[in-house]
Amino acid sequence: MNTGSDREANESAAESAAESAAGATGGSDAGTTDESAKESATAEAPHVSKAPAFVKARRGLHLSWQVGVFVVGLAAIGAGIAMLVLPGPGWVAIFAGLAIWATEFAWAHLALRWTKRKVSEAAQKALDPKVRRRNIILTGIGLVIAGALIGFYLWKYGLVLPWHRDVE
């Protein structure tokens, strides 16, 4: 089971990716080709485990470390899912659990990077003046409807809560 955290395989994969990128460009200027290949290799650098060196040196200990990271990340994500319906910062806990997993697993690192990109795109979209204006108008309409419903309730029943009403 390859979790993307073994350093030697990842370093050789990065070198072969840099070589293939240099060979694929086939440019006449070898200096710029090597520089662009190095930049693309560092931009797409494979994931390496964040475990301490003494942990990575022993396979059984490293596997135990990965299981521990997985359990802690799973607990954070589970708490976040619970906090989606209970009081608490659910999404923050879910993203924290994903970040914990990303320290050790390549797939979680990719998922976290995708999530960060989507969140930043949504933030940029929310700052668009047209979208902001639409959101403000929809919020205003929602507040007017809520105010009308509250006003109707108070007109019909007064300031008495439904469970304290006397049934006649």
Protein backbone atom coordinates (compact mmCIF):
# COMPACT_ATOMS: atom_id res chain seq x y z
CA MET A 1 0.00 0.00 0.00
CA ASN A 2 1.64 3.19 -1.18
CA THR A 3 0.51 6.23 0.76
CA GLY A 4 2.88 8.55 -1.05
CA SER A 5 5.03 9.05 2.01
CA ASP A 6 8.15 7.07 1.12
CA ARG A 7 10.90 9.56 0.37
CA GLU A 8 13.15 7.60 -2.03
CA ALA A 9 10.37 6.62 -4.42
CA ASN A 10 8.99 10.15 -4.42
CA GLU A 11 12.39 11.74 -5.07
CA SER A 12 13.07 9.40 -7.99
CA ALA A 13 9.58 10.10 -9.33
CA ALA A 14 10.28 13.84 -9.14
CA GLU A 15 13.57 13.40 -10.98
CA SER A 16 11.96 11.30 -13.71
CA ALA A 17 9.14 13.86 -14.03
CA ALA A 18 11.70 16.64 -14.40
CA GLU A 19 13.60 14.63 -17.01
CA SER A 20 10.44 13.85 -18.97
CA ALA A 21 9.38 17.50 -18.82
CA ALA A 22 12.80 18.53 -20.11
CA GLY A 23 12.63 15.93 -22.87
CA ALA A 24 9.06 16.83 -23.81
CA THR A 25 9.82 20.53 -24.31
CA GLY A 26 12.84 19.86 -26.52
CA GLY A 27 13.65 23.57 -26.68
CA SER A 28 16.77 24.91 -28.35
CA ASP A 29 17.86 26.78 -25.23
CA ALA A 30 18.98 24.07 -22.79
CA GLY A 31 19.41 26.49 -19.85
CA THR A 32 15.80 27.65 -19.83
CA THR A 33 14.56 24.10 -20.40
CA ASP A 34 16.38 22.86 -17.31
CA GLU A 35 15.10 25.80 -15.25
CA SER A 36 11.50 25.33 -16.36
CA ALA A 37 11.75 21.59 -15.71
CA LYS A 38 13.02 22.27 -12.19
CA GLU A 39 10.24 24.80 -11.57
CA SER A 40 7.56 22.38 -12.80
CA ALA A 41 9.07 19.59 -10.69
CA THR A 42 9.03 21.76 -7.58
CA ALA A 43 5.52 23.00 -8.34
CA GLU A 44 4.31 19.41 -8.64
CA ALA A 45 6.66 17.98 -6.01
CA PRO A 46 5.37 14.68 -4.66
CA HIS A 47 4.13 14.43 -1.12
CA VAL A 48 6.66 13.41 1.55
CA SER A 49 5.78 12.22 5.03
CA LYS A 50 6.13 14.78 7.82
CA ALA A 51 7.03 12.07 10.33
CA PRO A 52 10.34 12.47 12.22
CA ALA A 53 13.38 10.72 10.71
CA PHE A 54 13.62 8.12 13.49
CA VAL A 55 9.99 7.14 12.80
CA LYS A 56 10.54 6.87 9.05
CA ALA A 57 13.65 4.74 9.62
CA ARG A 58 11.62 1.86 11.06
CA ARG A 59 8.81 0.50 8.88
CA GLY A 60 6.66 -0.78 11.75
CA LEU A 61 6.96 2.48 13.64
CA HIS A 62 6.17 4.48 10.50
CA LEU A 63 3.07 2.38 9.86
CA SER A 64 1.99 2.95 13.46
CA TRP A 65 2.59 6.68 12.98
CA GLN A 66 0.38 6.66 9.87
CA VAL A 67 -2.37 4.78 11.68
CA GLY A 68 -2.20 7.32 14.52
CA VAL A 69 -2.38 10.25 12.08
CA PHE A 70 -5.32 8.61 10.34
CA VAL A 71 -7.19 8.06 13.62
CA VAL A 72 -6.59 11.63 14.83
CA GLY A 73 -7.67 13.06 11.46
CA LEU A 74 -10.73 10.82 11.43
CA ALA A 75 -11.66 11.99 14.94
CA ALA A 76 -11.38 15.63 13.87
CA ILE A 77 -13.47 15.03 10.76
CA GLY A 78 -16.04 13.05 12.76
CA ALA A 79 -16.29 15.86 15.30
CA GLY A 80 -16.66 18.34 12.45
CA ILE A 81 -19.49 16.36 10.90
CA ALA A 82 -21.20 16.23 14.29
CA MET A 83 -20.72 19.98 14.67
CA LEU A 84 -22.50 20.59 11.37
CA VAL A 85 -25.77 19.80 13.18
CA LEU A 86 -24.62 20.66 16.70
CA PRO A 87 -23.23 23.99 17.90
CA GLY A 88 -19.63 24.44 16.88
CA PRO A 89 -17.34 25.22 13.96
CA GLY A 90 -18.04 22.11 11.88
CA TRP A 91 -16.32 23.11 8.65
CA VAL A 92 -13.24 24.32 10.49
CA ALA A 93 -12.90 20.94 12.21
CA ILE A 94 -13.42 19.07 8.93
CA PHE A 95 -10.71 21.12 7.21
CA ALA A 96 -8.43 20.66 10.23
CA GLY A 97 -8.89 16.89 10.00
CA LEU A 98 -8.10 17.00 6.30
CA ALA A 99 -4.96 19.05 7.06
CA ILE A 100 -3.92 16.45 9.65
CA TRP A 101 -4.32 13.71 7.06
CA ALA A 102 -2.43 15.80 4.49
CA THR A 103 0.70 15.71 6.66
CA GLU A 104 0.98 11.99 5.99
CA PHE A 105 -1.11 10.96 2.96
CA ALA A 106 -0.70 12.15 -0.62
CA TRP A 107 -4.40 11.76 -1.48
CA ALA A 108 -5.38 14.01 1.42
CA HIS A 109 -2.78 16.55 0.36
CA LEU A 110 -4.35 16.67 -3.11
CA ALA A 111 -7.85 16.93 -1.65
CA LEU A 112 -6.76 19.75 0.66
CA ARG A 113 -5.11 21.61 -2.23
CA TRP A 114 -8.31 21.23 -4.32
CA THR A 115 -10.41 22.46 -1.39
CA LYS A 116 -8.18 25.50 -0.84
CA ARG A 117 -8.44 26.36 -4.53
CA LYS A 118 -12.23 26.06 -4.53
CA VAL A 119 -12.56 28.16 -1.36
CA SER A 120 -10.38 30.91 -2.79
CA GLU A 121 -12.38 30.85 -6.04
CA ALA A 122 -15.62 31.15 -4.06
CA ALA A 123 -14.17 34.03 -2.02
CA GLN A 124 -13.17 35.85 -5.19
CA LYS A 125 -16.60 35.22 -6.67
CA ALA A 126 -18.29 36.53 -3.53
CA LEU A 127 -16.30 39.76 -3.80
CA ASP A 128 -17.61 40.35 -7.33
CA PRO A 129 -19.84 43.49 -7.17
CA LYS A 130 -22.70 41.84 -9.10
CA VAL A 131 -22.72 38.81 -6.82
CA ARG A 132 -22.51 40.99 -3.70
CA ARG A 133 -25.42 43.13 -4.91
CA ARG A 134 -27.48 40.00 -5.64
CA ASN A 135 -26.68 38.53 -2.20
CA ILE A 136 -27.61 41.79 -0.45
CA ILE A 137 -30.92 41.96 -2.36
CA LEU A 138 -31.74 38.30 -1.56
CA THR A 139 -30.87 38.85 2.10
CA GLY A 140 -33.10 41.91 2.21
CA ILE A 141 -35.99 40.00 0.62
CA GLY A 142 -35.48 37.16 3.12
CA LEU A 143 -35.53 39.61 6.04
CA VAL A 144 -38.71 41.26 4.74
CA ILE A 145 -40.43 37.87 4.42
CA ALA A 146 -39.27 36.83 7.92
CA GLY A 147 -40.48 40.16 9.33
CA ALA A 148 -43.87 39.72 7.64
CA LEU A 149 -44.23 36.21 9.06
CA ILE A 150 -43.29 37.37 12.56
CA GLY A 151 -45.66 40.31 12.26
CA PHE A 152 -48.51 38.03 11.14
CA TYR A 153 -47.85 35.67 14.06
CA LEU A 154 -47.85 38.54 16.56
CA TRP A 155 -51.04 39.99 15.01
CA LYS A 156 -52.82 36.62 15.10
CA TYR A 157 -51.63 35.26 18.48
CA GLY A 158 -50.06 38.16 20.33
CA LEU A 159 -46.87 37.83 22.30
CA VAL A 160 -47.73 34.33 23.59
CA LEU A 161 -45.58 31.38 22.63
CA PRO A 162 -47.44 28.48 20.97
CA TRP A 163 -46.76 26.02 23.79
CA HIS A 164 -48.19 28.45 26.38
CA ARG A 165 -51.48 29.10 24.60
CA ASP A 166 -54.70 28.10 26.29
CA VAL A 167 -56.84 25.95 24.05
CA GLU A 168 -60.49 26.90 24.18
